[in-house]
C-alpha atoms as a PDB file:
ATOM      1  CA  MET A   1      -5.547  14.858  -2.962  1.00  0.00           C
ATOM      2  CA  PRO A   2      -4.370  11.234  -2.791  1.00  0.00           C
ATOM      3  CA  GLU A   3      -0.749  11.222  -1.652  1.00  0.00           C
ATOM      4  CA  LEU A   4       1.910   8.494  -1.617  1.00  0.00           C
ATOM      5  CA  PRO A   5       0.275   6.259   1.042  1.00  0.00           C
ATOM      6  CA  GLU A   6      -3.058   6.414  -0.813  1.00  0.00           C
ATOM      7  CA  VAL A   7      -1.372   5.535  -4.111  1.00  0.00           C
ATOM      8  CA  GLU A   8       0.559   2.685  -2.466  1.00  0.00           C
ATOM      9  CA  THR A   9      -2.684   1.410  -0.926  1.00  0.00           C
ATOM     10  CA  THR A  10      -4.348   1.639  -4.343  1.00  0.00           C
ATOM     11  CA  VAL A  11      -1.553  -0.259  -6.096  1.00  0.00           C
ATOM     12  CA  ARG A  12      -1.628  -3.036  -3.511  1.00  0.00           C
ATOM     13  CA  GLY A  13      -5.402  -3.311  -3.791  1.00  0.00           C
ATOM     14  CA  LEU A  14      -5.309  -3.471  -7.587  1.00  0.00           C
ATOM     15  CA  ALA A  15      -2.507  -6.057  -7.506  1.00  0.00           C
ATOM     16  CA  ARG A  16      -4.770  -8.506  -5.678  1.00  0.00           C
ATOM     17  CA  VAL A  17      -7.209  -8.321  -8.591  1.00  0.00           C
ATOM     18  CA  LEU A  18      -5.096  -7.648 -11.669  1.00  0.00           C
ATOM     19  CA  ASP A  19      -1.632  -9.138 -11.220  1.00  0.00           C
ATOM     20  CA  GLY A  20      -1.112 -11.998 -13.681  1.00  0.00           C
ATOM     21  CA  GLN A  21      -4.495 -11.503 -15.370  1.00  0.00           C
ATOM     22  CA  ARG A  22      -5.142 -10.965 -19.063  1.00  0.00           C
ATOM     23  CA  ILE A  23      -7.120  -7.879 -20.073  1.00  0.00           C
ATOM     24  CA  ALA A  24     -10.262  -8.884 -21.958  1.00  0.00           C
ATOM     25  CA  ARG A  25     -11.774  -5.461 -22.583  1.00  0.00           C
ATOM     26  CA  VAL A  26     -11.032  -1.777 -22.076  1.00  0.00           C
ATOM     27  CA  GLU A  27     -13.852   0.772 -22.166  1.00  0.00           C
ATOM     28  CA  LEU A  28     -12.952   4.442 -22.467  1.00  0.00           C
ATOM     29  CA  ARG A  29     -16.035   6.367 -21.436  1.00  0.00           C
ATOM     30  CA  ARG A  30     -14.584   9.778 -22.264  1.00  0.00           C
ATOM     31  CA  ALA A  31     -11.735  11.029 -24.444  1.00  0.00           C
ATOM     32  CA  ASP A  32      -9.769  12.810 -21.739  1.00  0.00           C
ATOM     33  CA  LEU A  33      -9.105  13.393 -18.070  1.00  0.00           C
ATOM     34  CA  ARG A  34      -6.590  16.123 -17.247  1.00  0.00           C
ATOM     35  CA  ARG A  35      -5.338  15.572 -20.780  1.00  0.00           C
ATOM     36  CA  ALA A  36      -6.280  13.378 -23.725  1.00  0.00           C
ATOM     37  CA  MET A  37      -6.226   9.605 -23.338  1.00  0.00           C
ATOM     38  CA  PRO A  38      -3.231   7.932 -25.004  1.00  0.00           C
ATOM     39  CA  GLU A  39      -3.783   7.097 -28.648  1.00  0.00           C
ATOM     40  CA  GLY A  40      -4.628   3.434 -29.161  1.00  0.00           C
ATOM     41  CA  LEU A  41      -4.912   2.783 -25.418  1.00  0.00           C
ATOM     42  CA  GLY A  42      -7.699   0.202 -25.698  1.00  0.00           C
ATOM     43  CA  GLN A  43      -6.079  -1.647 -28.579  1.00  0.00           C
ATOM     44  CA  ARG A  44      -2.656  -1.815 -26.915  1.00  0.00           C
ATOM     45  CA  LEU A  45      -4.075  -3.091 -23.615  1.00  0.00           C
ATOM     46  CA  THR A  46      -6.732  -5.524 -24.837  1.00  0.00           C
ATOM     47  CA  GLY A  47      -5.312  -9.050 -24.801  1.00  0.00           C
ATOM     48  CA  ALA A  48      -2.227  -8.047 -22.805  1.00  0.00           C
ATOM     49  CA  ARG A  49      -1.312  -9.844 -19.601  1.00  0.00           C
ATOM     50  CA  ILE A  50      -0.534  -7.770 -16.523  1.00  0.00           C
ATOM     51  CA  THR A  51       2.909  -8.740 -15.248  1.00  0.00           C
ATOM     52  CA  GLY A  52       3.185  -6.482 -12.216  1.00  0.00           C
ATOM     53  CA  LEU A  53       1.982  -3.396 -10.395  1.00  0.00           C
ATOM     54  CA  ARG A  54       4.210  -0.881  -8.619  1.00  0.00           C
ATOM     55  CA  ARG A  55       4.472   2.747  -7.615  1.00  0.00           C
ATOM     56  CA  ARG A  56       6.879   5.612  -8.306  1.00  0.00           C
ATOM     57  CA  ALA A  57       6.209   8.681  -6.155  1.00  0.00           C
ATOM     58  CA  LYS A  58       2.482   9.449  -6.653  1.00  0.00           C
ATOM     59  CA  TYR A  59       2.237   7.486  -9.913  1.00  0.00           C
ATOM     60  CA  GLY A  60       0.793   3.977 -10.113  1.00  0.00           C
ATOM     61  CA  LEU A  61       2.426   1.705 -12.703  1.00  0.00           C
ATOM     62  CA  ILE A  62       0.764  -1.315 -14.322  1.00  0.00           C
ATOM     63  CA  ASP A  63       3.199  -3.380 -16.440  1.00  0.00           C
ATOM     64  CA  THR A  64       2.103  -5.677 -19.267  1.00  0.00           C
ATOM     65  CA  ASP A  65       3.723  -8.466 -21.278  1.00  0.00           C
ATOM     66  CA  ARG A  66       3.615  -6.289 -24.379  1.00  0.00           C
ATOM     67  CA  GLY A  67       6.319  -4.030 -23.015  1.00  0.00           C
ATOM     68  CA  ASP A  68       3.886  -1.253 -22.109  1.00  0.00           C
ATOM     69  CA  THR A  69       3.297   0.334 -18.715  1.00  0.00           C
ATOM     70  CA  LEU A  70      -0.010   1.991 -17.910  1.00  0.00           C
ATOM     71  CA  VAL A  71       0.820   5.011 -15.738  1.00  0.00           C
ATOM     72  CA  PHE A  72      -1.968   6.502 -13.644  1.00  0.00           C
ATOM     73  CA  HIS A  73      -2.130   9.580 -11.451  1.00  0.00           C
ATOM     74  CA  LEU A  74      -5.164  10.025  -9.211  1.00  0.00           C
ATOM     75  CA  GLY A  75      -5.127  13.830  -9.318  1.00  0.00           C
ATOM     76  CA  MET A  76      -7.389  15.467  -6.748  1.00  0.00           C
ATOM     77  CA  SER A  77     -10.253  13.009  -6.501  1.00  0.00           C
ATOM     78  CA  GLY A  78      -9.394   9.850  -8.444  1.00  0.00           C
ATOM     79  CA  ARG A  79      -9.719   6.282  -7.222  1.00  0.00           C
ATOM     80  CA  TRP A  80     -10.061   2.819  -8.716  1.00  0.00           C
ATOM     81  CA  ARG A  81     -13.225   0.871  -7.864  1.00  0.00           C
ATOM     82  CA  VAL A  82     -13.020  -2.927  -7.840  1.00  0.00           C
ATOM     83  CA  ASP A  83     -15.938  -4.966  -9.185  1.00  0.00           C
ATOM     84  CA  PRO A  84     -18.471  -2.122  -9.005  1.00  0.00           C
ATOM     85  CA  SER A  85     -22.059  -3.366  -9.090  1.00  0.00           C
ATOM     86  CA  GLU A  86     -22.912  -0.501 -11.447  1.00  0.00           C
ATOM     87  CA  ILE A  87     -20.844   1.780 -13.633  1.00  0.00           C
ATOM     88  CA  GLU A  88     -21.288   5.332 -12.401  1.00  0.00           C
ATOM     89  CA  LYS A  89     -21.204   8.707 -14.109  1.00  0.00           C
ATOM     90  CA  HIS A  90     -17.615   9.413 -13.068  1.00  0.00           C
ATOM     91  CA  ASP A  91     -16.234   5.962 -13.937  1.00  0.00           C
ATOM     92  CA  HIS A  92     -14.252   7.124 -16.953  1.00  0.00           C
ATOM     93  CA  VAL A  93     -12.202   3.990 -17.736  1.00  0.00           C
ATOM     94  CA  VAL A  94     -13.264   0.390 -17.173  1.00  0.00           C
ATOM     95  CA  ILE A  95     -10.888  -2.573 -17.456  1.00  0.00           C
ATOM     96  CA  GLU A  96     -12.190  -6.151 -17.482  1.00  0.00           C
ATOM     97  CA  THR A  97     -10.054  -9.288 -17.127  1.00  0.00           C
ATOM     98  CA  ASP A  98     -10.476 -12.790 -18.535  1.00  0.00           C
ATOM     99  CA  ASP A  99     -11.573 -14.089 -15.147  1.00  0.00           C
ATOM    100  CA  GLY A 100     -14.504 -11.668 -15.008  1.00  0.00           C
ATOM    101  CA  ARG A 101     -13.078  -9.069 -12.652  1.00  0.00           C
ATOM    102  CA  ARG A 102     -13.621  -5.404 -13.379  1.00  0.00           C
ATOM    103  CA  VAL A 103     -11.931  -2.198 -12.195  1.00  0.00           C
ATOM    104  CA  ALA A 104     -13.133   1.326 -12.933  1.00  0.00           C
ATOM    105  CA  LEU A 105     -11.169   4.553 -12.694  1.00  0.00           C
ATOM    106  CA  ASN A 106     -13.483   7.030 -11.003  1.00  0.00           C
ATOM    107  CA  ASP A 107     -12.491  10.713 -11.061  1.00  0.00           C
ATOM    108  CA  PRO A 108     -15.239  13.296 -10.474  1.00  0.00           C
ATOM    109  CA  ARG A 109     -12.982  16.327 -10.862  1.00  0.00           C
ATOM    110  CA  ARG A 110     -10.939  14.843 -13.743  1.00  0.00           C
ATOM    111  CA  PHE A 111      -7.546  16.083 -12.539  1.00  0.00           C
ATOM    112  CA  GLY A 112      -6.110  12.582 -12.848  1.00  0.00           C
ATOM    113  CA  SER A 113      -4.317  11.165 -15.864  1.00  0.00           C
ATOM    114  CA  LEU A 114      -3.560   7.980 -17.767  1.00  0.00           C
ATOM    115  CA  ASP A 115      -0.484   7.458 -19.928  1.00  0.00           C
ATOM    116  CA  LEU A 116       0.864   4.427 -21.758  1.00  0.00           C
ATOM    117  CA  VAL A 117       4.657   4.338 -21.861  1.00  0.00           C
ATOM    118  CA  ARG A 118       7.087   1.749 -23.168  1.00  0.00           C
ATOM    119  CA  THR A 119       8.394   0.008 -20.056  1.00  0.00           C
ATOM    120  CA  ASP A 120      12.028   0.130 -21.129  1.00  0.00           C
ATOM    121  CA  ARG A 121      11.743   3.901 -21.639  1.00  0.00           C
ATOM    122  CA  LEU A 122       9.881   4.683 -18.425  1.00  0.00           C
ATOM    123  CA  VAL A 123      12.910   5.995 -16.523  1.00  0.00           C
ATOM    124  CA  ASP A 124      13.441   8.553 -19.289  1.00  0.00           C
ATOM    125  CA  TRP A 125       9.793   9.581 -19.524  1.00  0.00           C
ATOM    126  CA  PRO A 126       9.843  13.285 -18.527  1.00  0.00           C
ATOM    127  CA  ALA A 127       7.425  13.030 -15.609  1.00  0.00           C
ATOM    128  CA  ILE A 128       9.393  10.134 -14.078  1.00  0.00           C
ATOM    129  CA  ALA A 129      12.874  11.363 -15.033  1.00  0.00           C
ATOM    130  CA  ALA A 130      12.319  14.613 -13.122  1.00  0.00           C
ATOM    131  CA  LEU A 131      11.574  12.882  -9.820  1.00  0.00           C
ATOM    132  CA  GLY A 132      13.878  12.811  -6.820  1.00  0.00           C
ATOM    133  CA  PRO A 133      14.483   9.780  -4.584  1.00  0.00           C
ATOM    134  CA  GLU A 134      11.690   7.846  -2.924  1.00  0.00           C
ATOM    135  CA  PRO A 135      10.903   9.162   0.579  1.00  0.00           C
ATOM    136  CA  LEU A 136      10.612   5.645   1.996  1.00  0.00           C
ATOM    137  CA  GLU A 137      14.262   5.142   1.045  1.00  0.00           C
ATOM    138  CA  ILE A 138      15.738   8.590   1.744  1.00  0.00           C
ATOM    139  CA  GLU A 139      18.667   8.797   4.159  1.00  0.00           C
ATOM    140  CA  ALA A 140      19.895  11.878   6.001  1.00  0.00           C
ATOM    141  CA  GLY A 141      23.107  12.152   3.980  1.00  0.00           C
ATOM    142  CA  GLU A 142      21.309  12.255   0.658  1.00  0.00           C
ATOM    143  CA  LEU A 143      18.733  14.656   2.060  1.00  0.00           C
ATOM    144  CA  ARG A 144      21.537  16.952   3.243  1.00  0.00           C
ATOM    145  CA  GLN A 145      23.086  16.955  -0.244  1.00  0.00           C
ATOM    146  CA  ARG A 146      19.775  17.861  -1.838  1.00  0.00           C
ATOM    147  CA  LEU A 147      19.147  20.681   0.617  1.00  0.00           C
ATOM    148  CA  ALA A 148      22.684  22.088   0.608  1.00  0.00           C
ATOM    149  CA  GLY A 149      22.772  25.815  -0.037  1.00  0.00           C
ATOM    150  CA  ARG A 150      19.004  26.089  -0.253  1.00  0.00           C
ATOM    151  CA  ASN A 151      17.417  29.049   1.537  1.00  0.00           C
ATOM    152  CA  ALA A 152      13.816  28.113   0.766  1.00  0.00           C
ATOM    153  CA  PRO A 153      11.677  26.873   3.692  1.00  0.00           C
ATOM    154  CA  ILE A 154      12.078  23.180   4.434  1.00  0.00           C
ATOM    155  CA  LYS A 155       8.318  22.684   3.979  1.00  0.00           C
ATOM    156  CA  ALA A 156       8.467  23.970   0.393  1.00  0.00           C
ATOM    157  CA  LEU A 157      11.583  21.951  -0.406  1.00  0.00           C
ATOM    158  CA  LEU A 158      10.064  18.701   0.814  1.00  0.00           C
ATOM    159  CA  LEU A 159       7.034  19.319  -1.396  1.00  0.00           C
ATOM    160  CA  ASP A 160       9.321  19.807  -4.410  1.00  0.00           C
ATOM    161  CA  GLN A 161       9.124  16.464  -6.232  1.00  0.00           C
ATOM    162  CA  ARG A 162      12.652  17.018  -7.585  1.00  0.00           C
ATOM    163  CA  VAL A 163      14.036  17.034  -4.043  1.00  0.00           C
ATOM    164  CA  VAL A 164      12.066  14.079  -2.678  1.00  0.00           C
ATOM    165  CA  ALA A 165       9.455  12.335  -4.816  1.00  0.00           C
ATOM    166  CA  GLY A 166       5.998  11.608  -3.485  1.00  0.00           C
ATOM    167  CA  LEU A 167       5.667  13.721  -0.361  1.00  0.00           C
ATOM    168  CA  GLY A 168       2.488  15.761  -0.011  1.00  0.00           C
ATOM    169  CA  ASN A 169       1.208  18.413   2.352  1.00  0.00           C
ATOM    170  CA  ILE A 170      -0.284  16.130   4.994  1.00  0.00           C
ATOM    171  CA  TYR A 171       2.740  13.936   5.543  1.00  0.00           C
ATOM    172  CA  VAL A 172       5.281  16.763   5.367  1.00  0.00           C
ATOM    173  CA  CYS A 173       3.412  18.572   8.178  1.00  0.00           C
ATOM    174  CA  GLU A 174       3.353  15.417  10.275  1.00  0.00           C
ATOM    175  CA  ALA A 175       7.009  14.512   9.631  1.00  0.00           C
ATOM    176  CA  LEU A 176       8.252  18.011  10.436  1.00  0.00           C
ATOM    177  CA  HIS A 177       6.308  17.923  13.690  1.00  0.00           C
ATOM    178  CA  ARG A 178       7.738  14.557  14.691  1.00  0.00           C
ATOM    179  CA  SER A 179      11.269  15.759  13.993  1.00  0.00           C
ATOM    180  CA  GLY A 180      10.773  19.073  15.807  1.00  0.00           C
ATOM    181  CA  ILE A 181      11.638  21.225  12.782  1.00  0.00           C
ATOM    182  CA  HIS A 182       9.872  24.517  12.096  1.00  0.00           C
ATOM    183  CA  PRO A 183       8.328  24.487   8.571  1.00  0.00           C
ATOM    184  CA  GLY A 184       9.763  27.919   7.813  1.00  0.00           C
ATOM    185  CA  ARG A 185      13.382  27.035   8.587  1.00  0.00           C
ATOM    186  CA  ALA A 186      15.746  27.327   5.615  1.00  0.00           C
ATOM    187  CA  GLY A 187      16.407  23.833   4.274  1.00  0.00           C
ATOM    188  CA  GLY A 188      20.137  24.333   3.909  1.00  0.00           C
ATOM    189  CA  SER A 189      20.519  25.454   7.533  1.00  0.00           C
ATOM    190  CA  ILE A 190      19.344  22.231   9.149  1.00  0.00           C
ATOM    191  CA  SER A 191      22.050  20.143  10.826  1.00  0.00           C
ATOM    192  CA  LEU A 192      22.774  16.554   9.850  1.00  0.00           C
ATOM    193  CA  LYS A 193      21.588  15.367  13.273  1.00  0.00           C
ATOM    194  CA  ARG A 194      18.207  17.023  12.798  1.00  0.00           C
ATOM    195  CA  LEU A 195      18.003  15.708   9.220  1.00  0.00           C
ATOM    196  CA  GLU A 196      18.519  12.204  10.591  1.00  0.00           C
ATOM    197  CA  ARG A 197      15.432  12.715  12.761  1.00  0.00           C
ATOM    198  CA  LEU A 198      13.561  14.122   9.763  1.00  0.00           C
ATOM    199  CA  ALA A 199      14.466  11.243   7.439  1.00  0.00           C
ATOM    200  CA  THR A 200      13.349   8.754  10.089  1.00  0.00           C
ATOM    201  CA  ALA A 201      10.115  10.678  10.672  1.00  0.00           C
ATOM    202  CA  ILE A 202       9.341  10.749   6.947  1.00  0.00           C
ATOM    203  CA  ARG A 203       9.785   6.989   6.627  1.00  0.00           C
ATOM    204  CA  ASP A 204       7.818   6.255   9.805  1.00  0.00           C
ATOM    205  CA  VAL A 205       4.892   8.554   8.989  1.00  0.00           C
ATOM    206  CA  LEU A 206       4.528   7.113   5.493  1.00  0.00           C
ATOM    207  CA  ALA A 207       4.831   3.502   6.684  1.00  0.00           C
ATOM    208  CA  GLU A 208       2.189   4.055   9.355  1.00  0.00           C
ATOM    209  CA  ALA A 209      -0.120   5.768   6.870  1.00  0.00           C
ATOM    210  CA  ILE A 210       0.238   2.899   4.392  1.00  0.00           C
ATOM    211  CA  ALA A 211      -0.525   0.381   7.139  1.00  0.00           C
ATOM    212  CA  ALA A 212      -3.627   2.418   8.011  1.00  0.00           C
ATOM    213  CA  GLY A 213      -4.813   2.504   4.401  1.00  0.00           C
ATOM    214  CA  GLY A 214      -4.007   6.182   3.934  1.00  0.00           C
ATOM    215  CA  SER A 215      -5.838   9.282   5.084  1.00  0.00           C
ATOM    216  CA  THR A 216      -9.363   9.624   3.805  1.00  0.00           C
ATOM    217  CA  LEU A 217      -9.931  13.281   2.967  1.00  0.00           C
ATOM    218  CA  ARG A 218     -12.784  14.342   0.688  1.00  0.00           C
ATOM    219  CA  ASP A 219     -13.146  11.707  -2.048  1.00  0.00           C
ATOM    220  CA  PHE A 220     -10.445   9.091  -1.501  1.00  0.00           C
ATOM    221  CA  ALA A 221     -11.116   5.448  -0.731  1.00  0.00           C
ATOM    222  CA  SER A 222      -9.057   2.349  -1.501  1.00  0.00           C
ATOM    223  CA  PRO A 223     -10.066   0.074  -4.416  1.00  0.00           C
ATOM    224  CA  ASP A 224     -12.157  -2.149  -2.137  1.00  0.00           C
ATOM    225  CA  GLY A 225     -14.057   0.894  -0.882  1.00  0.00           C
ATOM    226  CA  GLU A 226     -12.434   0.910   2.555  1.00  0.00           C
ATOM    227  CA  LEU A 227     -11.656   4.294   4.082  1.00  0.00           C
ATOM    228  CA  GLY A 228      -8.158   4.970   5.364  1.00  0.00           C
ATOM    229  CA  TYR A 229      -7.960   5.868   9.042  1.00  0.00           C
ATOM    230  CA  PHE A 230      -4.501   7.458   9.468  1.00  0.00           C
ATOM    231  CA  SER A 231      -6.243  10.833   9.733  1.00  0.00           C
ATOM    232  CA  LYS A 232      -7.444   9.799  13.175  1.00  0.00           C
ATOM    233  CA  THR A 233      -3.838   9.947  14.399  1.00  0.00           C
ATOM    234  CA  PHE A 234      -2.841  13.336  12.963  1.00  0.00           C
ATOM    235  CA  ALA A 235      -0.733  15.251  15.467  1.00  0.00           C
ATOM    236  CA  VAL A 236      -0.962  18.633  13.736  1.00  0.00           C
ATOM    237  CA  TYR A 237      -2.544  18.477  10.273  1.00  0.00           C
ATOM    238  CA  GLY A 238      -6.000  20.082  10.275  1.00  0.00           C
ATOM    239  CA  ARG A 239      -5.810  20.663  14.054  1.00  0.00           C
ATOM    240  CA  GLU A 240      -5.413  24.431  14.293  1.00  0.00           C
ATOM    241  CA  GLY A 241      -5.863  25.535  17.913  1.00  0.00           C
ATOM    242  CA  ALA A 242      -5.725  22.002  19.291  1.00  0.00           C
ATOM    243  CA  ALA A 243      -3.327  21.042  22.053  1.00  0.00           C
ATOM    244  CA  CYS A 244       0.037  19.595  21.084  1.00  0.00           C
ATOM    245  CA  ALA A 245       1.534  16.782  23.168  1.00  0.00           C
ATOM    246  CA  CYS A 246       4.221  19.236  24.326  1.00  0.00           C
ATOM    247  CA  GLY A 247       1.603  21.553  25.836  1.00  0.00           C
ATOM    248  CA  GLY A 248       1.655  24.090  23.030  1.00  0.00           C
ATOM    249  CA  ARG A 249      -1.099  24.869  20.541  1.00  0.00           C
ATOM    250  CA  VAL A 250      -1.185  23.886  16.878  1.00  0.00           C
ATOM    251  CA  LYS A 251      -0.909  26.893  14.585  1.00  0.00           C
ATOM    252  CA  ARG A 252      -1.845  27.272  10.936  1.00  0.00           C
ATOM    253  CA  ILE A 253       0.068  29.424   8.449  1.00  0.00           C
ATOM    254  CA  VAL A 254       0.014  29.597   4.652  1.00  0.00           C
ATOM    255  CA  GLN A 255       3.156  28.756   2.686  1.00  0.00           C
ATOM    256  CA  GLY A 256       3.145  28.799  -1.090  1.00  0.00           C
ATOM    257  CA  GLY A 257      -0.645  28.842  -1.090  1.00  0.00           C
ATOM    258  CA  ARG A 258      -0.843  25.693   1.068  1.00  0.00           C
ATOM    259  CA  SER A 259      -1.921  25.386   4.687  1.00  0.00           C
ATOM    260  CA  THR A 260       0.868  24.426   7.054  1.00  0.00           C
ATOM    261  CA  PHE A 261       0.072  23.093  10.524  1.00  0.00           C
ATOM    262  CA  PHE A 262       2.770  23.033  13.221  1.00  0.00           C
ATOM    263  CA  CYS A 263       3.458  23.636  16.877  1.00  0.00           C
ATOM    264  CA  PRO A 264       5.548  26.779  17.463  1.00  0.00           C
ATOM    265  CA  ARG A 265       6.523  25.541  20.900  1.00  0.00           C
ATOM    266  CA  CYS A 266       8.234  22.254  19.960  1.00  0.00           C
ATOM    267  CA  GLN A 267       9.158  22.920  16.321  1.00  0.00           C
ATOM    268  CA  ARG A 268      12.225  25.143  15.971  1.00  0.00           C
END
């Protein structure tokens, strides 16, 4: 599933093609993805100029001069393809600009979504309003406040988008390993000093993953077709039984139906 670094990579790739351009045509090649396409999507976008692209958590946001924001979520297998030579079976939405560029939203499993929201109401849109702070901006003090009194495992709390918005399984495993925190430790029991290490690890892991173009697992690739290579530097994720740098062995457990990878020797 594309996580925050993959979405950030996608937004940056699309910005190079779409920012400042006028939309000449929108082709909806099916009526729904995870849910129905927004009513009047093609009409509201056609002729609009794109004024900016940004990200909130795992959502990509495309602003227009008509006061609308196109909100996309890549789901499990979604990606945007830039200037595809041919439109493929799973290219469900195609956007063309006045300068002849074309981007196609490709989503074989159709767990992604598109929404069109008034820009000035975006912060109150339920999916956005429910989100916690951005992990690239989180500080230890705020993290401590959000974890206070919580007995749930820190791994589960970090995956809760209301606690911190945008973290996914891969990067939580890696950040917990870097900060030496056991994924099963109760979130509210972690000291401020250890949370400082965790907040730093979260920011560093995400920044490195963005610089590497994300982690290519299963179907993800950036808009230009390049494959992210951060997965080549995983310390624990997907490495059950492998040696940890501390001399221990990476272990896999299941928490909340998700695989958790950690080192029981250096994570306490």
